[in-house]
Amino acid sequence: MAEIKYEITEELGVLSESSRGWTKEINLVSWNDREPKIDIREWSPEHERMGKGVTLSREEAKLMRDILNKIDL
């Protein structure tokens, strides 16, 4: 399996932390030297391991924001 290269270019915020110390975060991440995208996933304490997540372009993130703003949370 090919190695996936990533760089967290900006840490935007932590949504939660699990009992084992992993944090669910929103970050800007560059995958395989591409343009950074908004990324939501769980990370181990030192960011050396990660869980499955969702990566959004800026346009997708704007649409998500608009949808969430319509919901009565």
PDB file of N, CA and C in Angstrom:
ATOM      1  N   MET A   1       0.846  -1.178   0.000  1.00  0.00           N
ATOM      2  CA  MET A   1       0.000   0.000   0.000  1.00  0.00           C
ATOM      3  C   MET A   1       0.890   1.239   0.000  1.00  0.00           C
ATOM      4  N   ALA A   2       0.514   2.216  -0.820  1.00  0.00           N
ATOM      5  CA  ALA A   2       1.287   3.441  -0.909  1.00  0.00           C
ATOM      6  C   ALA A   2       1.145   4.258   0.364  1.00  0.00           C
ATOM      7  N   GLU A   3       2.234   4.904   0.732  1.00  0.00           N
ATOM      8  CA  GLU A   3       2.218   5.751   1.926  1.00  0.00           C
ATOM      9  C   GLU A   3       1.486   7.053   1.623  1.00  0.00           C
ATOM     10  N   ILE A   4       0.655   7.471   2.549  1.00  0.00           N
ATOM     11  CA  ILE A   4      -0.072   8.726   2.412  1.00  0.00           C
ATOM     12  C   ILE A   4       0.715   9.814   3.124  1.00  0.00           C
ATOM     13  N   LYS A   5       1.013  10.871   2.396  1.00  0.00           N
ATOM     14  CA  LYS A   5       1.747  11.996   2.968  1.00  0.00           C
ATOM     15  C   LYS A   5       0.746  13.062   3.370  1.00  0.00           C
ATOM     16  N   TYR A   6       0.911  13.606   4.570  1.00  0.00           N
ATOM     17  CA  TYR A   6       0.001  14.660   5.022  1.00  0.00           C
ATOM     18  C   TYR A   6       0.759  15.681   5.852  1.00  0.00           C
ATOM     19  N   GLU A   7       0.224  16.894   5.834  1.00  0.00           N
ATOM     20  CA  GLU A   7       0.761  17.966   6.667  1.00  0.00           C
ATOM     21  C   GLU A   7      -0.418  18.787   7.184  1.00  0.00           C
ATOM     22  N   ILE A   8      -0.514  18.896   8.497  1.00  0.00           N
ATOM     23  CA  ILE A   8      -1.520  19.769   9.091  1.00  0.00           C
ATOM     24  C   ILE A   8      -0.969  21.183   8.980  1.00  0.00           C
ATOM     25  N   THR A   9      -1.582  21.982   8.112  1.00  0.00           N
ATOM     26  CA  THR A   9      -1.069  23.332   7.879  1.00  0.00           C
ATOM     27  C   THR A   9      -1.639  24.340   8.866  1.00  0.00           C
ATOM     28  N   GLU A  10      -2.829  24.036   9.420  1.00  0.00           N
ATOM     29  CA  GLU A  10      -3.419  24.925  10.429  1.00  0.00           C
ATOM     30  C   GLU A  10      -4.393  24.119  11.282  1.00  0.00           C
ATOM     31  N   GLU A  11      -4.238  24.218  12.591  1.00  0.00           N
ATOM     32  CA  GLU A  11      -5.155  23.579  13.526  1.00  0.00           C
ATOM     33  C   GLU A  11      -6.277  24.570  13.830  1.00  0.00           C
ATOM     34  N   LEU A  12      -7.502  24.225  13.428  1.00  0.00           N
ATOM     35  CA  LEU A  12      -8.627  25.147  13.564  1.00  0.00           C
ATOM     36  C   LEU A  12      -9.376  24.981  14.879  1.00  0.00           C
ATOM     37  N   GLY A  13      -9.475  23.745  15.381  1.00  0.00           N
ATOM     38  CA  GLY A  13     -10.175  23.555  16.645  1.00  0.00           C
ATOM     39  C   GLY A  13     -10.375  22.091  16.995  1.00  0.00           C
ATOM     40  N   VAL A  14     -10.598  21.855  18.293  1.00  0.00           N
ATOM     41  CA  VAL A  14     -10.866  20.510  18.813  1.00  0.00           C
ATOM     42  C   VAL A  14     -12.343  20.424  19.159  1.00  0.00           C
ATOM     43  N   LEU A  15     -13.018  19.375  18.653  1.00  0.00           N
ATOM     44  CA  LEU A  15     -14.438  19.179  18.917  1.00  0.00           C
ATOM     45  C   LEU A  15     -14.684  18.342  20.165  1.00  0.00           C
ATOM     46  N   SER A  16     -13.830  17.338  20.393  1.00  0.00           N
ATOM     47  CA  SER A  16     -13.995  16.473  21.568  1.00  0.00           C
ATOM     48  C   SER A  16     -12.720  15.679  21.793  1.00  0.00           C
ATOM     49  N   GLU A  17     -12.664  15.039  22.970  1.00  0.00           N
ATOM     50  CA  GLU A  17     -11.526  14.175  23.304  1.00  0.00           C
ATOM     51  C   GLU A  17     -12.058  12.879  23.882  1.00  0.00           C
ATOM     52  N   SER A  18     -11.512  11.762  23.426  1.00  0.00           N
ATOM     53  CA  SER A  18     -11.946  10.451  23.901  1.00  0.00           C
ATOM     54  C   SER A  18     -11.192  10.083  25.175  1.00  0.00           C
ATOM     55  N   SER A  19     -11.653   9.032  25.839  1.00  0.00           N
ATOM     56  CA  SER A  19     -11.008   8.576  27.071  1.00  0.00           C
ATOM     57  C   SER A  19      -9.592   8.062  26.829  1.00  0.00           C
ATOM     58  N   ARG A  20      -9.284   7.676  25.598  1.00  0.00           N
ATOM     59  CA  ARG A  20      -7.928   7.186  25.283  1.00  0.00           C
ATOM     60  C   ARG A  20      -7.003   8.301  24.793  1.00  0.00           C
ATOM     61  N   GLY A  21      -7.491   9.565  24.832  1.00  0.00           N
ATOM     62  CA  GLY A  21      -6.642  10.700  24.513  1.00  0.00           C
ATOM     63  C   GLY A  21      -6.698  11.174  23.072  1.00  0.00           C
ATOM     64  N   TRP A  22      -7.414  10.471  22.213  1.00  0.00           N
ATOM     65  CA  TRP A  22      -7.556  10.924  20.828  1.00  0.00           C
ATOM     66  C   TRP A  22      -8.512  12.106  20.786  1.00  0.00           C
ATOM     67  N   THR A  23      -8.258  13.045  19.877  1.00  0.00           N
ATOM     68  CA  THR A  23      -9.116  14.223  19.761  1.00  0.00           C
ATOM     69  C   THR A  23      -9.748  14.275  18.378  1.00  0.00           C
ATOM     70  N   LYS A  24     -11.018  14.663  18.337  1.00  0.00           N
ATOM     71  CA  LYS A  24     -11.708  14.913  17.069  1.00  0.00           C
ATOM     72  C   LYS A  24     -11.474  16.380  16.755  1.00  0.00           C
ATOM     73  N   GLU A  25     -10.848  16.629  15.604  1.00  0.00           N
ATOM     74  CA  GLU A  25     -10.371  17.974  15.285  1.00  0.00           C
ATOM     75  C   GLU A  25     -10.842  18.447  13.911  1.00  0.00           C
ATOM     76  N   ILE A  26     -10.886  19.759  13.769  1.00  0.00           N
ATOM     77  CA  ILE A  26     -11.056  20.396  12.465  1.00  0.00           C
ATOM     78  C   ILE A  26      -9.737  21.089  12.155  1.00  0.00           C
ATOM     79  N   ASN A  27      -9.126  20.705  11.032  1.00  0.00           N
ATOM     80  CA  ASN A  27      -7.832  21.248  10.637  1.00  0.00           C
ATOM     81  C   ASN A  27      -7.814  21.538   9.152  1.00  0.00           C
ATOM     82  N   LEU A  28      -6.843  22.324   8.727  1.00  0.00           N
ATOM     83  CA  LEU A  28      -6.511  22.417   7.312  1.00  0.00           C
ATOM     84  C   LEU A  28      -5.376  21.423   7.089  1.00  0.00           C
ATOM     85  N   VAL A  29      -5.585  20.481   6.158  1.00  0.00           N
ATOM     86  CA  VAL A  29      -4.601  19.427   5.923  1.00  0.00           C
ATOM     87  C   VAL A  29      -4.271  19.357   4.439  1.00  0.00           C
ATOM     88  N   SER A  30      -2.982  19.291   4.146  1.00  0.00           N
ATOM     89  CA  SER A  30      -2.507  19.061   2.785  1.00  0.00           C
ATOM     90  C   SER A  30      -2.225  17.567   2.648  1.00  0.00           C
ATOM     91  N   TRP A  31      -2.932  16.920   1.728  1.00  0.00           N
ATOM     92  CA  TRP A  31      -2.753  15.486   1.480  1.00  0.00           C
ATOM     93  C   TRP A  31      -1.915  15.313   0.223  1.00  0.00           C
ATOM     94  N   ASN A  32      -0.803  14.579   0.333  1.00  0.00           N
ATOM     95  CA  ASN A  32       0.072  14.287  -0.806  1.00  0.00           C
ATOM     96  C   ASN A  32       0.478  15.557  -1.568  1.00  0.00           C
ATOM     97  N   ASP A  33       0.876  16.578  -0.801  1.00  0.00           N
ATOM     98  CA  ASP A  33       1.390  17.847  -1.346  1.00  0.00           C
ATOM     99  C   ASP A  33       0.355  18.628  -2.161  1.00  0.00           C
ATOM    100  N   ARG A  34      -0.920  18.367  -1.946  1.00  0.00           N
ATOM    101  CA  ARG A  34      -1.961  19.118  -2.646  1.00  0.00           C
ATOM    102  C   ARG A  34      -2.401  20.313  -1.802  1.00  0.00           C
ATOM    103  N   GLU A  35      -3.275  21.129  -2.391  1.00  0.00           N
ATOM    104  CA  GLU A  35      -3.827  22.300  -1.698  1.00  0.00           C
ATOM    105  C   GLU A  35      -4.507  21.850  -0.402  1.00  0.00           C
ATOM    106  N   PRO A  36      -4.268  22.546   0.719  1.00  0.00           N
ATOM    107  CA  PRO A  36      -4.915  22.154   1.984  1.00  0.00           C
ATOM    108  C   PRO A  36      -6.435  22.233   1.897  1.00  0.00           C
ATOM    109  N   LYS A  37      -7.091  21.261   2.548  1.00  0.00           N
ATOM    110  CA  LYS A  37      -8.550  21.211   2.615  1.00  0.00           C
ATOM    111  C   LYS A  37      -8.974  21.129   4.077  1.00  0.00           C
ATOM    112  N   ILE A  38     -10.219  21.483   4.320  1.00  0.00           N
ATOM    113  CA  ILE A  38     -10.769  21.380   5.667  1.00  0.00           C
ATOM    114  C   ILE A  38     -11.001  19.914   5.958  1.00  0.00           C
ATOM    115  N   ASP A  39     -10.520  19.469   7.101  1.00  0.00           N
ATOM    116  CA  ASP A  39     -10.514  18.048   7.431  1.00  0.00           C
ATOM    117  C   ASP A  39     -11.061  17.847   8.841  1.00  0.00           C
ATOM    118  N   ILE A  40     -11.988  16.902   8.999  1.00  0.00           N
ATOM    119  CA  ILE A  40     -12.555  16.561  10.306  1.00  0.00           C
ATOM    120  C   ILE A  40     -12.280  15.087  10.549  1.00  0.00           C
ATOM    121  N   ARG A  41     -11.512  14.776  11.605  1.00  0.00           N
ATOM    122  CA  ARG A  41     -11.200  13.383  11.933  1.00  0.00           C
ATOM    123  C   ARG A  41     -10.603  13.294  13.328  1.00  0.00           C
ATOM    124  N   GLU A  42     -10.469  12.057  13.817  1.00  0.00           N
ATOM    125  CA  GLU A  42      -9.817  11.817  15.109  1.00  0.00           C
ATOM    126  C   GLU A  42      -8.317  11.635  14.890  1.00  0.00           C
ATOM    127  N   TRP A  43      -7.558  12.200  15.833  1.00  0.00           N
ATOM    128  CA  TRP A  43      -6.101  12.119  15.794  1.00  0.00           C
ATOM    129  C   TRP A  43      -5.588  11.599  17.134  1.00  0.00           C
ATOM    130  N   SER A  44      -4.498  10.818  17.061  1.00  0.00           N
ATOM    131  CA  SER A  44      -3.819  10.401  18.284  1.00  0.00           C
ATOM    132  C   SER A  44      -3.145  11.632  18.894  1.00  0.00           C
ATOM    133  N   PRO A  45      -2.724  11.547  20.156  1.00  0.00           N
ATOM    134  CA  PRO A  45      -2.188  12.734  20.844  1.00  0.00           C
ATOM    135  C   PRO A  45      -1.058  13.464  20.110  1.00  0.00           C
ATOM    136  N   GLU A  46      -0.180  12.764  19.444  1.00  0.00           N
ATOM    137  CA  GLU A  46       0.949  13.423  18.758  1.00  0.00           C
ATOM    138  C   GLU A  46       0.738  13.547  17.254  1.00  0.00           C
ATOM    139  N   HIS A  47      -0.478  13.322  16.780  1.00  0.00           N
ATOM    140  CA  HIS A  47      -0.831  13.391  15.352  1.00  0.00           C
ATOM    141  C   HIS A  47      -0.051  12.405  14.499  1.00  0.00           C
ATOM    142  N   GLU A  48       0.421  11.296  15.101  1.00  0.00           N
ATOM    143  CA  GLU A  48       1.137  10.313  14.304  1.00  0.00           C
ATOM    144  C   GLU A  48       0.187   9.269  13.714  1.00  0.00           C
ATOM    145  N   ARG A  49      -1.004   9.141  14.273  1.00  0.00           N
ATOM    146  CA  ARG A  49      -2.017   8.210  13.757  1.00  0.00           C
ATOM    147  C   ARG A  49      -3.336   8.954  13.637  1.00  0.00           C
ATOM    148  N   MET A  50      -4.188   8.440  12.742  1.00  0.00           N
ATOM    149  CA  MET A  50      -5.471   9.107  12.518  1.00  0.00           C
ATOM    150  C   MET A  50      -6.558   8.081  12.262  1.00  0.00           C
ATOM    151  N   GLY A  51      -7.799   8.517  12.505  1.00  0.00           N
ATOM    152  CA  GLY A  51      -8.955   7.706  12.177  1.00  0.00           C
ATOM    153  C   GLY A  51      -9.530   8.146  10.839  1.00  0.00           C
ATOM    154  N   LYS A  52     -10.604   7.475  10.446  1.00  0.00           N
ATOM    155  CA  LYS A  52     -11.289   7.874   9.218  1.00  0.00           C
ATOM    156  C   LYS A  52     -11.912   9.248   9.430  1.00  0.00           C
ATOM    157  N   GLY A  53     -11.994   9.995   8.353  1.00  0.00           N
ATOM    158  CA  GLY A  53     -12.527  11.339   8.482  1.00  0.00           C
ATOM    159  C   GLY A  53     -13.203  11.815   7.225  1.00  0.00           C
ATOM    160  N   VAL A  54     -13.493  13.102   7.220  1.00  0.00           N
ATOM    161  CA  VAL A  54     -14.140  13.769   6.097  1.00  0.00           C
ATOM    162  C   VAL A  54     -13.281  14.964   5.699  1.00  0.00           C
ATOM    163  N   THR A  55     -13.015  15.079   4.405  1.00  0.00           N
ATOM    164  CA  THR A  55     -12.249  16.199   3.883  1.00  0.00           C
ATOM    165  C   THR A  55     -13.156  17.012   2.971  1.00  0.00           C
ATOM    166  N   LEU A  56     -13.175  18.325   3.193  1.00  0.00           N
ATOM    167  CA  LEU A  56     -14.064  19.211   2.447  1.00  0.00           C
ATOM    168  C   LEU A  56     -13.282  20.326   1.764  1.00  0.00           C
ATOM    169  N   SER A  57     -13.682  20.635   0.537  1.00  0.00           N
ATOM    170  CA  SER A  57     -13.138  21.830  -0.117  1.00  0.00           C
ATOM    171  C   SER A  57     -13.745  23.053   0.571  1.00  0.00           C
ATOM    172  N   ARG A  58     -13.229  24.210   0.295  1.00  0.00           N
ATOM    173  CA  ARG A  58     -13.794  25.440   0.887  1.00  0.00           C
ATOM    174  C   ARG A  58     -15.252  25.624   0.457  1.00  0.00           C
ATOM    175  N   GLU A  59     -15.550  25.307  -0.788  1.00  0.00           N
ATOM    176  CA  GLU A  59     -16.922  25.438  -1.278  1.00  0.00           C
ATOM    177  C   GLU A  59     -17.857  24.480  -0.533  1.00  0.00           C
ATOM    178  N   GLU A  60     -17.425  23.241  -0.332  1.00  0.00           N
ATOM    179  CA  GLU A  60     -18.226  22.265   0.408  1.00  0.00           C
ATOM    180  C   GLU A  60     -18.411  22.706   1.857  1.00  0.00           C
ATOM    181  N   ALA A  61     -17.367  23.261   2.447  1.00  0.00           N
ATOM    182  CA  ALA A  61     -17.464  23.737   3.832  1.00  0.00           C
ATOM    183  C   ALA A  61     -18.446  24.900   3.946  1.00  0.00           C
ATOM    184  N   LYS A  62     -18.455  25.782   2.961  1.00  0.00           N
ATOM    185  CA  LYS A  62     -19.410  26.891   2.971  1.00  0.00           C
ATOM    186  C   LYS A  62     -20.842  26.378   2.875  1.00  0.00           C
ATOM    187  N   LEU A  63     -21.075  25.389   2.011  1.00  0.00           N
ATOM    188  CA  LEU A  63     -22.406  24.791   1.892  1.00  0.00           C
ATOM    189  C   LEU A  63     -22.810  24.111   3.198  1.00  0.00           C
ATOM    190  N   MET A  64     -21.875  23.416   3.820  1.00  0.00           N
ATOM    191  CA  MET A  64     -22.162  22.763   5.097  1.00  0.00           C
ATOM    192  C   MET A  64     -22.519  23.800   6.161  1.00  0.00           C
ATOM    193  N   ARG A  65     -21.767  24.890   6.221  1.00  0.00           N
ATOM    194  CA  ARG A  65     -22.066  25.970   7.150  1.00  0.00           C
ATOM    195  C   ARG A  65     -23.480  26.502   6.942  1.00  0.00           C
ATOM    196  N   ASP A  66     -23.842  26.734   5.680  1.00  0.00           N
ATOM    197  CA  ASP A  66     -25.171  27.257   5.369  1.00  0.00           C
ATOM    198  C   ASP A  66     -26.265  26.285   5.799  1.00  0.00           C
ATOM    199  N   ILE A  67     -26.041  24.995   5.562  1.00  0.00           N
ATOM    200  CA  ILE A  67     -27.018  23.982   5.972  1.00  0.00           C
ATOM    201  C   ILE A  67     -27.148  23.936   7.495  1.00  0.00           C
ATOM    202  N   LEU A  68     -26.013  23.947   8.195  1.00  0.00           N
ATOM    203  CA  LEU A  68     -26.033  23.901   9.658  1.00  0.00           C
ATOM    204  C   LEU A  68     -26.684  25.145  10.257  1.00  0.00           C
ATOM    205  N   ASN A  69     -26.494  26.295   9.593  1.00  0.00           N
ATOM    206  CA  ASN A  69     -27.122  27.532  10.091  1.00  0.00           C
ATOM    207  C   ASN A  69     -28.639  27.490  10.004  1.00  0.00           C
ATOM    208  N   LYS A  70     -29.176  26.653   9.133  1.00  0.00           N
ATOM    209  CA  LYS A  70     -30.620  26.522   8.989  1.00  0.00           C
ATOM    210  C   LYS A  70     -31.252  25.607  10.039  1.00  0.00           C
ATOM    211  N   ILE A  71     -30.415  24.824  10.722  1.00  0.00           N
ATOM    212  CA  ILE A  71     -30.890  23.852  11.701  1.00  0.00           C
ATOM    213  C   ILE A  71     -30.976  24.510  13.078  1.00  0.00           C
ATOM    214  N   ASP A  72     -32.058  24.247  13.795  1.00  0.00           N
ATOM    215  CA  ASP A  72     -32.200  24.758  15.160  1.00  0.00           C
ATOM    216  C   ASP A  72     -31.477  23.815  16.116  1.00  0.00           C
ATOM    217  N   LEU A  73     -30.226  24.140  16.406  1.00  0.00           N
ATOM    218  CA  LEU A  73     -29.443  23.299  17.304  1.00  0.00           C
ATOM    219  C   LEU A  73     -29.630  23.767  18.727  1.00  0.00           C
TER     220      LEU A  73
END
